[in-house]
Protein backbone atom coordinates (compact mmCIF):
# COMPACT_ATOMS: atom_id res chain seq x y z
CA ASN A 1 36.16 -109.19 -10.81
CA ARG A 2 35.97 -110.18 -14.46
CA TYR A 3 33.62 -109.58 -17.37
CA VAL A 4 32.66 -110.87 -20.79
CA LEU A 5 31.88 -108.30 -23.47
CA LYS A 6 30.11 -109.20 -26.73
CA ALA A 7 28.66 -107.26 -29.64
CA GLN A 8 26.74 -108.28 -32.71
CA LYS A 9 28.93 -105.93 -34.75
CA ALA A 10 32.15 -104.09 -33.91
CA LYS A 11 34.72 -101.98 -35.69
CA THR A 12 37.92 -100.25 -34.68
CA ASP A 13 38.67 -96.57 -35.05
CA LYS A 14 41.25 -96.21 -37.84
CA ASN A 15 42.97 -93.31 -36.03
CA LYS A 16 42.91 -94.89 -32.56
CA SER A 17 43.36 -98.66 -32.72
CA GLU A 18 42.54 -99.06 -29.00
CA ILE A 19 38.96 -97.81 -29.56
CA VAL A 20 36.33 -100.38 -30.58
CA MET A 21 32.86 -99.18 -31.56
CA MET A 22 30.22 -101.82 -30.82
CA TYR A 23 26.61 -102.36 -31.83
CA LEU A 24 24.01 -104.47 -29.98
CA VAL A 25 26.21 -104.89 -26.93
CA ASN A 26 25.92 -107.52 -24.19
CA ALA A 27 28.19 -107.52 -21.14
CA ILE A 28 28.25 -109.75 -18.07
CA PHE A 29 30.24 -108.66 -15.01
CA TYR A 30 31.10 -111.46 -12.58
CA PHE A 31 31.74 -110.27 -9.03
CA LYS A 32 33.80 -111.95 -6.34
CA ASP A 33 30.70 -112.49 -4.18
CA GLY A 34 29.19 -114.69 -6.92
CA THR A 35 26.70 -112.13 -8.22
CA GLU A 36 26.40 -111.05 -11.85
CA LEU A 37 25.53 -107.77 -13.54
CA VAL A 38 24.17 -108.13 -17.08
CA ILE A 39 24.08 -105.05 -19.34
CA PHE A 40 22.54 -104.61 -22.80
CA SER A 41 22.70 -101.54 -25.04
CA LYS A 42 22.27 -100.62 -28.69
CA GLU A 43 25.76 -99.11 -28.90
CA GLY A 44 28.98 -99.01 -26.96
CA VAL A 45 32.65 -98.09 -27.03
CA TYR A 46 35.43 -100.23 -25.60
CA ASN A 47 38.97 -99.04 -24.96
CA ASN A 48 41.20 -102.11 -25.15
CA LYS A 49 44.10 -100.32 -23.41
CA THR A 50 42.32 -98.85 -20.37
CA LEU A 51 39.52 -101.50 -20.43
CA ASP A 52 36.96 -98.70 -20.03
CA ILE A 53 33.51 -99.35 -21.51
CA SER A 54 30.69 -96.97 -22.38
CA PHE A 55 27.17 -98.17 -23.16
CA THR A 56 24.72 -95.91 -25.03
CA LYS A 57 21.19 -95.96 -26.42
CA ASP A 58 18.57 -97.96 -24.53
CA VAL A 59 20.82 -99.27 -21.78
CA ASN A 60 19.24 -101.85 -19.52
CA ALA A 61 20.88 -103.81 -16.77
CA ASN A 62 19.92 -106.61 -14.41
CA TYR A 63 21.52 -107.24 -11.04
CA ALA A 64 19.90 -109.78 -8.72
CA ASP A 65 16.19 -108.84 -8.78
CA ASN A 66 16.87 -105.22 -9.73
CA LYS A 67 16.44 -103.67 -13.17
CA LEU A 68 18.05 -100.48 -14.37
CA PHE A 69 17.23 -98.45 -17.47
CA SER A 70 19.04 -95.39 -18.87
CA GLN A 71 20.48 -93.95 -22.06
CA GLU A 72 24.12 -93.97 -20.95
CA ALA A 73 26.36 -96.01 -18.68
CA GLU A 74 30.13 -95.77 -18.34
CA TYR A 75 32.38 -98.27 -16.61
CA SER A 76 35.80 -96.78 -15.91
CA ASN A 77 38.25 -99.54 -15.10
CA SER A 78 41.03 -96.97 -14.77
CA LYS A 79 39.09 -94.92 -12.17
CA ASN A 80 37.22 -97.85 -10.59
CA GLN A 81 33.82 -96.19 -10.99
CA VAL A 82 30.51 -96.43 -12.84
CA LEU A 83 28.46 -93.47 -14.05
CA ILE A 84 24.87 -94.04 -15.19
CA SER A 85 23.00 -91.08 -16.66
CA ASN A 86 20.23 -89.75 -18.85
CA ASN A 87 16.74 -90.84 -17.76
CA VAL A 88 17.77 -93.31 -15.06
CA VAL A 89 15.09 -95.67 -13.77
CA ILE A 90 15.68 -98.40 -11.19
CA GLU A 91 12.97 -100.99 -10.58
CA SER A 92 13.29 -103.20 -7.54
CA GLU A 93 11.05 -105.22 -5.26
CA LYS A 94 11.92 -102.61 -2.62
CA GLY A 95 10.72 -99.74 -4.82
CA ASN A 96 11.56 -97.55 -7.78
CA ILE A 97 13.94 -94.63 -8.28
CA PHE A 98 13.93 -92.02 -11.06
CA ALA A 99 17.01 -89.79 -11.34
CA ASP A 100 19.30 -88.07 -13.80
CA LYS A 101 22.59 -89.56 -12.65
CA LEU A 102 23.96 -92.37 -10.50
CA PHE A 103 27.63 -92.39 -9.59
CA PHE A 104 29.10 -95.59 -8.09
CA ASP A 105 32.56 -95.47 -6.56
CA ILE A 106 33.52 -99.15 -6.66
CA GLU A 107 36.54 -98.80 -4.39
CA LYS A 108 34.73 -96.78 -1.69
CA LYS A 109 31.46 -98.72 -2.25
CA THR A 110 29.41 -95.51 -2.34
CA LEU A 111 26.47 -94.39 -4.48
CA ASN A 112 25.62 -90.75 -5.24
CA ILE A 113 22.20 -90.06 -6.82
CA SER A 114 21.53 -86.67 -8.39
CA SER A 115 18.96 -84.72 -10.39
CA PHE A 116 19.61 -81.85 -12.80
CA ASN A 117 16.14 -80.41 -13.41
CA ASP A 118 14.41 -79.40 -10.19
CA GLY A 119 16.90 -80.92 -7.78
CA LYS A 120 14.45 -83.65 -6.80
CA ILE A 121 14.85 -87.38 -7.07
CA ASN A 122 11.64 -89.36 -7.40
CA ALA A 123 11.60 -92.51 -5.32
CA ASN A 124 9.01 -94.98 -4.15
CA ILE A 125 10.67 -97.22 -1.56
CA ASN A 126 9.00 -100.10 0.30
CA VAL A 127 10.53 -100.28 3.76
CA LYS A 128 9.83 -103.59 5.49
């Protein structure tokens, strides 16, 4: 898998040259099966040594016909996982999900959905 990462503005951390702070971020992840994941956020941080990326502030993503909204998303290249948190909303033709956290293990191909407040995940799924 490969990706393209762009920002309207970026600057490096003077104390840690591997850290790049980004503003108005756009990323496209290209998967081996031919699908693409497009992510936008107001801010982000890229580690050019580990290749880890964090997206913050008004994160929205598109994958196939699915839309995801949150305030934070972290792609850990080093751990092969994605963590999406803080007011997570998924909109899909199959239904909608509202949760506090989504944890994707890319290697195991698993998804864990959790809620912090009352332990409930709100979902409206169309099963056909």
